[in-house]
Amino acid sequence: MTLLETPLGSINLQDGHITYAESAWKDLDDEGWRKEDLLQVEYQGGFILDVGWYGDEQFHIYIIRDADWSSPVFHQTVTNRTASLPLLDRAIVHLHQLSNSLTDRN
């Protein structure tokens, strides 16, 4: 189990491997959170969980499979970082459902 500690609470990344985590996750400075690259976590099955702040003034949470950034398997947005944590939890649950369905097929 991988935990990412934030001032807003812990995020259970389950069996993910953090490949990038901006220090803003530990910083309450609003400007520190306004970066395109905030968090990237790799999972088995070729999945990547990606979180960033983009020019449209929203946090974007993506699940990418097999490096196909043009067709994310999950994409949701929120406008504030407090709301990003529950959405991130939902994305991780969704990722595991996808991964399990692929495993069941094999």
PDB file of N, CA and C in Angstrom:
ATOM      1  N   MET A   1       0.848  -1.177   0.000  1.00  0.00           N
ATOM      2  CA  MET A   1       0.000   0.000   0.000  1.00  0.00           C
ATOM      3  C   MET A   1       0.892   1.239   0.000  1.00  0.00           C
ATOM      4  N   THR A   2       0.574   2.176  -0.877  1.00  0.00           N
ATOM      5  CA  THR A   2       1.313   3.423  -0.970  1.00  0.00           C
ATOM      6  C   THR A   2       0.406   4.556  -0.519  1.00  0.00           C
ATOM      7  N   LEU A   3       0.870   5.330   0.476  1.00  0.00           N
ATOM      8  CA  LEU A   3       0.113   6.480   0.954  1.00  0.00           C
ATOM      9  C   LEU A   3       0.811   7.760   0.539  1.00  0.00           C
ATOM     10  N   LEU A   4       0.022   8.722   0.094  1.00  0.00           N
ATOM     11  CA  LEU A   4       0.522  10.060  -0.182  1.00  0.00           C
ATOM     12  C   LEU A   4      -0.092  10.969   0.872  1.00  0.00           C
ATOM     13  N   GLU A   5       0.751  11.534   1.716  1.00  0.00           N
ATOM     14  CA  GLU A   5       0.269  12.398   2.792  1.00  0.00           C
ATOM     15  C   GLU A   5       0.126  13.823   2.280  1.00  0.00           C
ATOM     16  N   THR A   6      -1.019  14.432   2.576  1.00  0.00           N
ATOM     17  CA  THR A   6      -1.273  15.825   2.214  1.00  0.00           C
ATOM     18  C   THR A   6      -1.851  16.530   3.433  1.00  0.00           C
ATOM     19  N   PRO A   7      -1.817  17.855   3.471  1.00  0.00           N
ATOM     20  CA  PRO A   7      -2.455  18.576   4.578  1.00  0.00           C
ATOM     21  C   PRO A   7      -3.967  18.362   4.603  1.00  0.00           C
ATOM     22  N   LEU A   8      -4.522  17.908   3.492  1.00  0.00           N
ATOM     23  CA  LEU A   8      -5.961  17.692   3.399  1.00  0.00           C
ATOM     24  C   LEU A   8      -6.353  16.260   3.738  1.00  0.00           C
ATOM     25  N   GLY A   9      -5.367  15.413   3.987  1.00  0.00           N
ATOM     26  CA  GLY A   9      -5.626  14.014   4.305  1.00  0.00           C
ATOM     27  C   GLY A   9      -4.714  13.095   3.519  1.00  0.00           C
ATOM     28  N   SER A  10      -4.782  11.820   3.857  1.00  0.00           N
ATOM     29  CA  SER A  10      -3.960  10.814   3.175  1.00  0.00           C
ATOM     30  C   SER A  10      -4.697  10.282   1.958  1.00  0.00           C
ATOM     31  N   ILE A  11      -3.942   9.978   0.929  1.00  0.00           N
ATOM     32  CA  ILE A  11      -4.491   9.352  -0.268  1.00  0.00           C
ATOM     33  C   ILE A  11      -3.897   7.964  -0.352  1.00  0.00           C
ATOM     34  N   ASN A  12      -4.759   6.946  -0.358  1.00  0.00           N
ATOM     35  CA  ASN A  12      -4.304   5.568  -0.478  1.00  0.00           C
ATOM     36  C   ASN A  12      -4.186   5.240  -1.965  1.00  0.00           C
ATOM     37  N   LEU A  13      -2.970   5.182  -2.454  1.00  0.00           N
ATOM     38  CA  LEU A  13      -2.705   4.872  -3.856  1.00  0.00           C
ATOM     39  C   LEU A  13      -2.679   3.377  -4.104  1.00  0.00           C
ATOM     40  N   GLN A  14      -2.998   2.622  -3.079  1.00  0.00           N
ATOM     41  CA  GLN A  14      -3.043   1.170  -3.106  1.00  0.00           C
ATOM     42  C   GLN A  14      -1.715   0.608  -3.602  1.00  0.00           C
ATOM     43  N   ASP A  15      -1.692  -0.126  -4.693  1.00  0.00           N
ATOM     44  CA  ASP A  15      -0.451  -0.761  -5.139  1.00  0.00           C
ATOM     45  C   ASP A  15       0.278   0.064  -6.198  1.00  0.00           C
ATOM     46  N   GLY A  16      -0.034   1.344  -6.281  1.00  0.00           N
ATOM     47  CA  GLY A  16       0.621   2.202  -7.260  1.00  0.00           C
ATOM     48  C   GLY A  16       2.033   2.567  -6.868  1.00  0.00           C
ATOM     49  N   HIS A  17       2.820   2.892  -7.868  1.00  0.00           N
ATOM     50  CA  HIS A  17       4.207   3.322  -7.680  1.00  0.00           C
ATOM     51  C   HIS A  17       4.302   4.783  -8.126  1.00  0.00           C
ATOM     52  N   ILE A  18       4.585   5.676  -7.176  1.00  0.00           N
ATOM     53  CA  ILE A  18       4.682   7.102  -7.485  1.00  0.00           C
ATOM     54  C   ILE A  18       5.912   7.345  -8.355  1.00  0.00           C
ATOM     55  N   THR A  19       5.687   7.890  -9.541  1.00  0.00           N
ATOM     56  CA  THR A  19       6.807   8.244 -10.413  1.00  0.00           C
ATOM     57  C   THR A  19       7.086   9.742 -10.372  1.00  0.00           C
ATOM     58  N   TYR A  20       6.095  10.517  -9.930  1.00  0.00           N
ATOM     59  CA  TYR A  20       6.302  11.952  -9.753  1.00  0.00           C
ATOM     60  C   TYR A  20       5.276  12.474  -8.757  1.00  0.00           C
ATOM     61  N   ALA A  21       5.734  13.253  -7.785  1.00  0.00           N
ATOM     62  CA  ALA A  21       4.832  13.912  -6.839  1.00  0.00           C
ATOM     63  C   ALA A  21       5.387  15.296  -6.541  1.00  0.00           C
ATOM     64  N   GLU A  22       4.694  16.296  -7.012  1.00  0.00           N
ATOM     65  CA  GLU A  22       5.078  17.680  -6.754  1.00  0.00           C
ATOM     66  C   GLU A  22       5.020  17.932  -5.252  1.00  0.00           C
ATOM     67  N   SER A  23       5.967  18.692  -4.763  1.00  0.00           N
ATOM     68  CA  SER A  23       6.003  18.981  -3.325  1.00  0.00           C
ATOM     69  C   SER A  23       4.764  19.746  -2.869  1.00  0.00           C
ATOM     70  N   ALA A  24       4.000  20.308  -3.800  1.00  0.00           N
ATOM     71  CA  ALA A  24       2.786  21.046  -3.441  1.00  0.00           C
ATOM     72  C   ALA A  24       1.779  20.173  -2.705  1.00  0.00           C
ATOM     73  N   TRP A  25       1.874  18.858  -2.861  1.00  0.00           N
ATOM     74  CA  TRP A  25       0.963  17.972  -2.132  1.00  0.00           C
ATOM     75  C   TRP A  25       1.133  18.148  -0.630  1.00  0.00           C
ATOM     76  N   LYS A  26       2.294  18.625  -0.207  1.00  0.00           N
ATOM     77  CA  LYS A  26       2.557  18.814   1.215  1.00  0.00           C
ATOM     78  C   LYS A  26       2.493  20.281   1.619  1.00  0.00           C
ATOM     79  N   ASP A  27       2.166  21.159   0.692  1.00  0.00           N
ATOM     80  CA  ASP A  27       2.224  22.600   0.900  1.00  0.00           C
ATOM     81  C   ASP A  27       0.829  23.187   0.727  1.00  0.00           C
ATOM     82  N   LEU A  28       0.431  24.047   1.638  1.00  0.00           N
ATOM     83  CA  LEU A  28      -0.889  24.661   1.540  1.00  0.00           C
ATOM     84  C   LEU A  28      -0.908  25.926   0.693  1.00  0.00           C
ATOM     85  N   ASP A  29       0.216  26.356   0.178  1.00  0.00           N
ATOM     86  CA  ASP A  29       0.289  27.540  -0.672  1.00  0.00           C
ATOM     87  C   ASP A  29      -0.530  27.317  -1.939  1.00  0.00           C
ATOM     88  N   ASP A  30      -1.532  28.176  -2.165  1.00  0.00           N
ATOM     89  CA  ASP A  30      -2.412  28.006  -3.327  1.00  0.00           C
ATOM     90  C   ASP A  30      -1.659  28.000  -4.647  1.00  0.00           C
ATOM     91  N   GLU A  31      -0.659  28.813  -4.780  1.00  0.00           N
ATOM     92  CA  GLU A  31       0.092  28.866  -6.039  1.00  0.00           C
ATOM     93  C   GLU A  31       0.867  27.578  -6.286  1.00  0.00           C
ATOM     94  N   GLY A  32       1.313  26.919  -5.223  1.00  0.00           N
ATOM     95  CA  GLY A  32       2.053  25.673  -5.370  1.00  0.00           C
ATOM     96  C   GLY A  32       1.228  24.562  -6.003  1.00  0.00           C
ATOM     97  N   TRP A  33      -0.082  24.671  -5.896  1.00  0.00           N
ATOM     98  CA  TRP A  33      -0.977  23.654  -6.454  1.00  0.00           C
ATOM     99  C   TRP A  33      -1.304  23.923  -7.918  1.00  0.00           C
ATOM    100  N   ARG A  34      -0.959  25.076  -8.419  1.00  0.00           N
ATOM    101  CA  ARG A  34      -1.341  25.447  -9.795  1.00  0.00           C
ATOM    102  C   ARG A  34      -0.219  25.113 -10.768  1.00  0.00           C
ATOM    103  N   LYS A  35       0.055  23.825 -10.865  1.00  0.00           N
ATOM    104  CA  LYS A  35       1.078  23.327 -11.768  1.00  0.00           C
ATOM    105  C   LYS A  35       0.496  22.189 -12.594  1.00  0.00           C
ATOM    106  N   GLU A  36       0.905  22.128 -13.832  1.00  0.00           N
ATOM    107  CA  GLU A  36       0.379  21.094 -14.718  1.00  0.00           C
ATOM    108  C   GLU A  36       0.737  19.697 -14.244  1.00  0.00           C
ATOM    109  N   ASP A  37       1.929  19.534 -13.752  1.00  0.00           N
ATOM    110  CA  ASP A  37       2.379  18.222 -13.297  1.00  0.00           C
ATOM    111  C   ASP A  37       2.391  18.187 -11.772  1.00  0.00           C
ATOM    112  N   LEU A  38       1.391  17.522 -11.199  1.00  0.00           N
ATOM    113  CA  LEU A  38       1.302  17.410  -9.751  1.00  0.00           C
ATOM    114  C   LEU A  38       1.586  16.006  -9.241  1.00  0.00           C
ATOM    115  N   LEU A  39       1.039  15.019  -9.927  1.00  0.00           N
ATOM    116  CA  LEU A  39       1.180  13.644  -9.443  1.00  0.00           C
ATOM    117  C   LEU A  39       1.063  12.678 -10.606  1.00  0.00           C
ATOM    118  N   GLN A  40       1.940  11.688 -10.608  1.00  0.00           N
ATOM    119  CA  GLN A  40       1.828  10.604 -11.577  1.00  0.00           C
ATOM    120  C   GLN A  40       2.172   9.299 -10.861  1.00  0.00           C
ATOM    121  N   VAL A  41       1.282   8.311 -11.045  1.00  0.00           N
ATOM    122  CA  VAL A  41       1.421   7.022 -10.371  1.00  0.00           C
ATOM    123  C   VAL A  41       1.233   5.928 -11.407  1.00  0.00           C
ATOM    124  N   GLU A  42       2.147   4.962 -11.422  1.00  0.00           N
ATOM    125  CA  GLU A  42       2.045   3.830 -12.342  1.00  0.00           C
ATOM    126  C   GLU A  42       1.437   2.629 -11.621  1.00  0.00           C
ATOM    127  N   TYR A  43       0.619   1.897 -12.370  1.00  0.00           N
ATOM    128  CA  TYR A  43      -0.030   0.699 -11.865  1.00  0.00           C
ATOM    129  C   TYR A  43       0.212  -0.449 -12.828  1.00  0.00           C
ATOM    130  N   GLN A  44       0.037  -1.664 -12.329  1.00  0.00           N
ATOM    131  CA  GLN A  44       0.153  -2.843 -13.188  1.00  0.00           C
ATOM    132  C   GLN A  44      -0.891  -2.773 -14.298  1.00  0.00           C
ATOM    133  N   GLY A  45      -0.609  -3.441 -15.383  1.00  0.00           N
ATOM    134  CA  GLY A  45      -1.537  -3.465 -16.503  1.00  0.00           C
ATOM    135  C   GLY A  45      -1.359  -2.294 -17.455  1.00  0.00           C
ATOM    136  N   GLY A  46      -0.281  -1.531 -17.280  1.00  0.00           N
ATOM    137  CA  GLY A  46      -0.015  -0.407 -18.171  1.00  0.00           C
ATOM    138  C   GLY A  46      -0.813   0.844 -17.865  1.00  0.00           C
ATOM    139  N   PHE A  47      -1.333   0.970 -16.637  1.00  0.00           N
ATOM    140  CA  PHE A  47      -2.133   2.127 -16.256  1.00  0.00           C
ATOM    141  C   PHE A  47      -1.278   3.216 -15.606  1.00  0.00           C
ATOM    142  N   ILE A  48      -1.632   4.447 -15.902  1.00  0.00           N
ATOM    143  CA  ILE A  48      -1.013   5.611 -15.270  1.00  0.00           C
ATOM    144  C   ILE A  48      -2.127   6.492 -14.729  1.00  0.00           C
ATOM    145  N   LEU A  49      -1.991   6.909 -13.485  1.00  0.00           N
ATOM    146  CA  LEU A  49      -2.881   7.898 -12.878  1.00  0.00           C
ATOM    147  C   LEU A  49      -2.136   9.223 -12.913  1.00  0.00           C
ATOM    148  N   ASP A  50      -2.759  10.240 -13.482  1.00  0.00           N
ATOM    149  CA  ASP A  50      -2.095  11.531 -13.653  1.00  0.00           C
ATOM    150  C   ASP A  50      -2.998  12.640 -13.125  1.00  0.00           C
ATOM    151  N   VAL A  51      -2.403  13.559 -12.345  1.00  0.00           N
ATOM    152  CA  VAL A  51      -3.146  14.689 -11.791  1.00  0.00           C
ATOM    153  C   VAL A  51      -2.398  15.967 -12.131  1.00  0.00           C
ATOM    154  N   GLY A  52      -3.131  16.961 -12.607  1.00  0.00           N
ATOM    155  CA  GLY A  52      -2.514  18.244 -12.917  1.00  0.00           C
ATOM    156  C   GLY A  52      -3.511  19.378 -12.896  1.00  0.00           C
ATOM    157  N   TRP A  53      -2.983  20.585 -12.818  1.00  0.00           N
ATOM    158  CA  TRP A  53      -3.770  21.822 -12.873  1.00  0.00           C
ATOM    159  C   TRP A  53      -3.509  22.424 -14.241  1.00  0.00           C
ATOM    160  N   TYR A  54      -4.559  22.702 -14.973  1.00  0.00           N
ATOM    161  CA  TYR A  54      -4.386  23.167 -16.348  1.00  0.00           C
ATOM    162  C   TYR A  54      -4.943  24.570 -16.526  1.00  0.00           C
ATOM    163  N   GLY A  55      -4.687  25.162 -17.663  1.00  0.00           N
ATOM    164  CA  GLY A  55      -5.047  26.538 -17.968  1.00  0.00           C
ATOM    165  C   GLY A  55      -6.525  26.862 -17.864  1.00  0.00           C
ATOM    166  N   ASP A  56      -7.366  25.849 -17.827  1.00  0.00           N
ATOM    167  CA  ASP A  56      -8.800  26.104 -17.695  1.00  0.00           C
ATOM    168  C   ASP A  56      -9.218  26.257 -16.230  1.00  0.00           C
ATOM    169  N   GLU A  57      -8.207  26.410 -15.349  1.00  0.00           N
ATOM    170  CA  GLU A  57      -8.443  26.641 -13.917  1.00  0.00           C
ATOM    171  C   GLU A  57      -9.135  25.466 -13.228  1.00  0.00           C
ATOM    172  N   GLN A  58      -8.749  24.266 -13.629  1.00  0.00           N
ATOM    173  CA  GLN A  58      -9.313  23.063 -13.018  1.00  0.00           C
ATOM    174  C   GLN A  58      -8.224  22.014 -12.808  1.00  0.00           C
ATOM    175  N   PHE A  59      -8.446  21.197 -11.790  1.00  0.00           N
ATOM    176  CA  PHE A  59      -7.629  20.006 -11.622  1.00  0.00           C
ATOM    177  C   PHE A  59      -8.185  18.943 -12.550  1.00  0.00           C
ATOM    178  N   HIS A  60      -7.306  18.265 -13.254  1.00  0.00           N
ATOM    179  CA  HIS A  60      -7.688  17.169 -14.140  1.00  0.00           C
ATOM    180  C   HIS A  60      -7.089  15.890 -13.596  1.00  0.00           C
ATOM    181  N   ILE A  61      -7.908  14.862 -13.504  1.00  0.00           N
ATOM    182  CA  ILE A  61      -7.451  13.544 -13.078  1.00  0.00           C
ATOM    183  C   ILE A  61      -7.694  12.591 -14.239  1.00  0.00           C
ATOM    184  N   TYR A  62      -6.619  11.970 -14.684  1.00  0.00           N
ATOM    185  CA  TYR A  62      -6.671  11.065 -15.831  1.00  0.00           C
ATOM    186  C   TYR A  62      -6.241   9.667 -15.411  1.00  0.00           C
ATOM    187  N   ILE A  63      -6.820   8.672 -16.077  1.00  0.00           N
ATOM    188  CA  ILE A  63      -6.254   7.326 -16.083  1.00  0.00           C
ATOM    189  C   ILE A  63      -5.935   7.033 -17.543  1.00  0.00           C
ATOM    190  N   ILE A  64      -4.682   6.699 -17.771  1.00  0.00           N
ATOM    191  CA  ILE A  64      -4.166   6.422 -19.114  1.00  0.00           C
ATOM    192  C   ILE A  64      -3.778   4.945 -19.166  1.00  0.00           C
ATOM    193  N   ARG A  65      -4.037   4.310 -20.286  1.00  0.00           N
ATOM    194  CA  ARG A  65      -3.616   2.907 -20.438  1.00  0.00           C
ATOM    195  C   ARG A  65      -2.684   2.788 -21.634  1.00  0.00           C
ATOM    196  N   ASP A  66      -1.607   2.063 -21.439  1.00  0.00           N
ATOM    197  CA  ASP A  66      -0.632   1.783 -22.495  1.00  0.00           C
ATOM    198  C   ASP A  66      -0.136   3.060 -23.177  1.00  0.00           C
ATOM    199  N   ALA A  67       0.085   4.100 -22.383  1.00  0.00           N
ATOM    200  CA  ALA A  67       0.653   5.374 -22.846  1.00  0.00           C
ATOM    201  C   ALA A  67      -0.182   6.045 -23.937  1.00  0.00           C
ATOM    202  N   ASP A  68      -1.468   5.750 -24.011  1.00  0.00           N
ATOM    203  CA  ASP A  68      -2.346   6.359 -25.012  1.00  0.00           C
ATOM    204  C   ASP A  68      -3.010   7.606 -24.418  1.00  0.00           C
ATOM    205  N   TRP A  69      -2.262   8.701 -24.400  1.00  0.00           N
ATOM    206  CA  TRP A  69      -2.728   9.959 -23.810  1.00  0.00           C
ATOM    207  C   TRP A  69      -3.863  10.584 -24.630  1.00  0.00           C
ATOM    208  N   SER A  70      -4.020  10.190 -25.868  1.00  0.00           N
ATOM    209  CA  SER A  70      -5.078  10.766 -26.702  1.00  0.00           C
ATOM    210  C   SER A  70      -6.452  10.164 -26.387  1.00  0.00           C
ATOM    211  N   SER A  71      -6.480   9.021 -25.694  1.00  0.00           N
ATOM    212  CA  SER A  71      -7.747   8.361 -25.355  1.00  0.00           C
ATOM    213  C   SER A  71      -7.731   7.880 -23.905  1.00  0.00           C
ATOM    214  N   PRO A  72      -7.841   8.814 -22.951  1.00  0.00           N
ATOM    215  CA  PRO A  72      -7.834   8.379 -21.554  1.00  0.00           C
ATOM    216  C   PRO A  72      -9.033   7.481 -21.253  1.00  0.00           C
ATOM    217  N   VAL A  73      -8.829   6.512 -20.360  1.00  0.00           N
ATOM    218  CA  VAL A  73      -9.930   5.638 -19.974  1.00  0.00           C
ATOM    219  C   VAL A  73     -10.764   6.261 -18.857  1.00  0.00           C
ATOM    220  N   PHE A  74     -10.259   7.341 -18.265  1.00  0.00           N
ATOM    221  CA  PHE A  74     -10.967   8.085 -17.225  1.00  0.00           C
ATOM    222  C   PHE A  74     -10.458   9.510 -17.274  1.00  0.00           C
ATOM    223  N   HIS A  75     -11.382  10.465 -17.184  1.00  0.00           N
ATOM    224  CA  HIS A  75     -10.995  11.868 -17.109  1.00  0.00           C
ATOM    225  C   HIS A  75     -12.092  12.628 -16.395  1.00  0.00           C
ATOM    226  N   GLN A  76     -11.735  13.252 -15.288  1.00  0.00           N
ATOM    227  CA  GLN A  76     -12.664  14.071 -14.514  1.00  0.00           C
ATOM    228  C   GLN A  76     -11.947  15.348 -14.094  1.00  0.00           C
ATOM    229  N   THR A  77     -12.728  16.396 -13.828  1.00  0.00           N
ATOM    230  CA  THR A  77     -12.148  17.664 -13.388  1.00  0.00           C
ATOM    231  C   THR A  77     -12.868  18.178 -12.150  1.00  0.00           C
ATOM    232  N   VAL A  78     -12.139  18.960 -11.374  1.00  0.00           N
ATOM    233  CA  VAL A  78     -12.695  19.696 -10.230  1.00  0.00           C
ATOM    234  C   VAL A  78     -12.003  21.050 -10.178  1.00  0.00           C
ATOM    235  N   THR A  79     -12.636  22.002  -9.511  1.00  0.00           N
ATOM    236  CA  THR A  79     -12.081  23.354  -9.499  1.00  0.00           C
ATOM    237  C   THR A  79     -11.273  23.686  -8.255  1.00  0.00           C
ATOM    238  N   ASN A  80     -11.331  22.846  -7.218  1.00  0.00           N
ATOM    239  CA  ASN A  80     -10.515  23.145  -6.045  1.00  0.00           C
ATOM    240  C   ASN A  80      -9.851  21.885  -5.512  1.00  0.00           C
ATOM    241  N   ARG A  81      -8.765  22.092  -4.818  1.00  0.00           N
ATOM    242  CA  ARG A  81      -7.958  20.950  -4.388  1.00  0.00           C
ATOM    243  C   ARG A  81      -8.637  20.112  -3.321  1.00  0.00           C
ATOM    244  N   THR A  82      -9.496  20.702  -2.506  1.00  0.00           N
ATOM    245  CA  THR A  82     -10.199  19.917  -1.498  1.00  0.00           C
ATOM    246  C   THR A  82     -11.089  18.878  -2.170  1.00  0.00           C
ATOM    247  N   ALA A  83     -11.758  19.259  -3.232  1.00  0.00           N
ATOM    248  CA  ALA A  83     -12.622  18.330  -3.963  1.00  0.00           C
ATOM    249  C   ALA A  83     -11.823  17.311  -4.762  1.00  0.00           C
ATOM    250  N   SER A  84     -10.535  17.595  -4.982  1.00  0.00           N
ATOM    251  CA  SER A  84      -9.731  16.666  -5.780  1.00  0.00           C
ATOM    252  C   SER A  84      -9.458  15.354  -5.051  1.00  0.00           C
ATOM    253  N   LEU A  85      -9.405  15.368  -3.726  1.00  0.00           N
ATOM    254  CA  LEU A  85      -9.079  14.137  -2.994  1.00  0.00           C
ATOM    255  C   LEU A  85     -10.168  13.069  -3.119  1.00  0.00           C
ATOM    256  N   PRO A  86     -11.454  13.383  -2.906  1.00  0.00           N
ATOM    257  CA  PRO A  86     -12.472  12.342  -3.112  1.00  0.00           C
ATOM    258  C   PRO A  86     -12.519  11.868  -4.568  1.00  0.00           C
ATOM    259  N   LEU A  87     -12.307  12.775  -5.507  1.00  0.00           N
ATOM    260  CA  LEU A  87     -12.301  12.385  -6.909  1.00  0.00           C
ATOM    261  C   LEU A  87     -11.119  11.466  -7.206  1.00  0.00           C
ATOM    262  N   LEU A  88      -9.989  11.761  -6.607  1.00  0.00           N
ATOM    263  CA  LEU A  88      -8.816  10.907  -6.778  1.00  0.00           C
ATOM    264  C   LEU A  88      -9.086   9.513  -6.216  1.00  0.00           C
ATOM    265  N   ASP A  89      -9.737   9.442  -5.076  1.00  0.00           N
ATOM    266  CA  ASP A  89     -10.119   8.135  -4.517  1.00  0.00           C
ATOM    267  C   ASP A  89     -11.018   7.368  -5.480  1.00  0.00           C
ATOM    268  N   ARG A  90     -12.005   8.044  -6.067  1.00  0.00           N
ATOM    269  CA  ARG A  90     -12.909   7.389  -7.027  1.00  0.00           C
ATOM    270  C   ARG A  90     -12.143   6.908  -8.255  1.00  0.00           C
ATOM    271  N   ALA A  91     -11.189   7.716  -8.710  1.00  0.00           N
ATOM    272  CA  ALA A  91     -10.390   7.322  -9.875  1.00  0.00           C
ATOM    273  C   ALA A  91      -9.588   6.059  -9.580  1.00  0.00           C
ATOM    274  N   ILE A  92      -9.037   5.950  -8.381  1.00  0.00           N
ATOM    275  CA  ILE A  92      -8.246   4.773  -8.010  1.00  0.00           C
ATOM    276  C   ILE A  92      -9.143   3.539  -7.945  1.00  0.00           C
ATOM    277  N   VAL A  93     -10.350   3.678  -7.402  1.00  0.00           N
ATOM    278  CA  VAL A  93     -11.297   2.559  -7.388  1.00  0.00           C
ATOM    279  C   VAL A  93     -11.629   2.155  -8.821  1.00  0.00           C
ATOM    280  N   HIS A  94     -11.880   3.132  -9.682  1.00  0.00           N
ATOM    281  CA  HIS A  94     -12.191   2.851 -11.087  1.00  0.00           C
ATOM    282  C   HIS A  94     -11.016   2.135 -11.764  1.00  0.00           C
ATOM    283  N   LEU A  95      -9.818   2.597 -11.489  1.00  0.00           N
ATOM    284  CA  LEU A  95      -8.621   1.980 -12.064  1.00  0.00           C
ATOM    285  C   LEU A  95      -8.546   0.506 -11.680  1.00  0.00           C
ATOM    286  N   HIS A  96      -8.820   0.199 -10.429  1.00  0.00           N
ATOM    287  CA  HIS A  96      -8.760  -1.196  -9.984  1.00  0.00           C
ATOM    288  C   HIS A  96      -9.875  -2.034 -10.598  1.00  0.00           C
ATOM    289  N   GLN A  97     -11.032  -1.446 -10.813  1.00  0.00           N
ATOM    290  CA  GLN A  97     -12.098  -2.166 -11.498  1.00  0.00           C
ATOM    291  C   GLN A  97     -11.684  -2.492 -12.931  1.00  0.00           C
ATOM    292  N   LEU A  98     -11.073  -1.530 -13.605  1.00  0.00           N
ATOM    293  CA  LEU A  98     -10.577  -1.772 -14.966  1.00  0.00           C
ATOM    294  C   LEU A  98      -9.526  -2.874 -14.970  1.00  0.00           C
ATOM    295  N   SER A  99      -8.583  -2.764 -14.061  1.00  0.00           N
ATOM    296  CA  SER A  99      -7.502  -3.737 -13.976  1.00  0.00           C
ATOM    297  C   SER A  99      -8.039  -5.144 -13.693  1.00  0.00           C
ATOM    298  N   ASN A 100      -8.993  -5.225 -12.768  1.00  0.00           N
ATOM    299  CA  ASN A 100      -9.575  -6.528 -12.429  1.00  0.00           C
ATOM    300  C   ASN A 100     -10.355  -7.113 -13.587  1.00  0.00           C
ATOM    301  N   SER A 101     -11.057  -6.276 -14.347  1.00  0.00           N
ATOM    302  CA  SER A 101     -11.815  -6.799 -15.489  1.00  0.00           C
ATOM    303  C   SER A 101     -10.867  -7.336 -16.557  1.00  0.00           C
ATOM    304  N   LEU A 102      -9.713  -6.732 -16.718  1.00  0.00           N
ATOM    305  CA  LEU A 102      -8.728  -7.228 -17.670  1.00  0.00           C
ATOM    306  C   LEU A 102      -8.135  -8.555 -17.195  1.00  0.00           C
ATOM    307  N   THR A 103      -7.895  -8.658 -15.890  1.00  0.00           N
ATOM    308  CA  THR A 103      -7.357  -9.881 -15.314  1.00  0.00           C
ATOM    309  C   THR A 103      -8.353 -11.023 -15.459  1.00  0.00           C
ATOM    310  N   ASP A 104      -9.640 -10.708 -15.255  1.00  0.00           N
ATOM    311  CA  ASP A 104     -10.674 -11.742 -15.372  1.00  0.00           C
ATOM    312  C   ASP A 104     -10.791 -12.290 -16.787  1.00  0.00           C
ATOM    313  N   ARG A 105     -10.477 -11.479 -17.763  1.00  0.00           N
ATOM    314  CA  ARG A 105     -10.555 -11.914 -19.165  1.00  0.00           C
ATOM    315  C   ARG A 105      -9.436 -12.882 -19.540  1.00  0.00           C
ATOM    316  N   ASN A 106      -8.326 -12.772 -18.824  1.00  0.00           N
ATOM    317  CA  ASN A 106      -7.160 -13.615 -19.183  1.00  0.00           C
ATOM    318  C   ASN A 106      -7.247 -14.940 -18.546  1.00  0.00           C
TER     319      ASN A 106
END
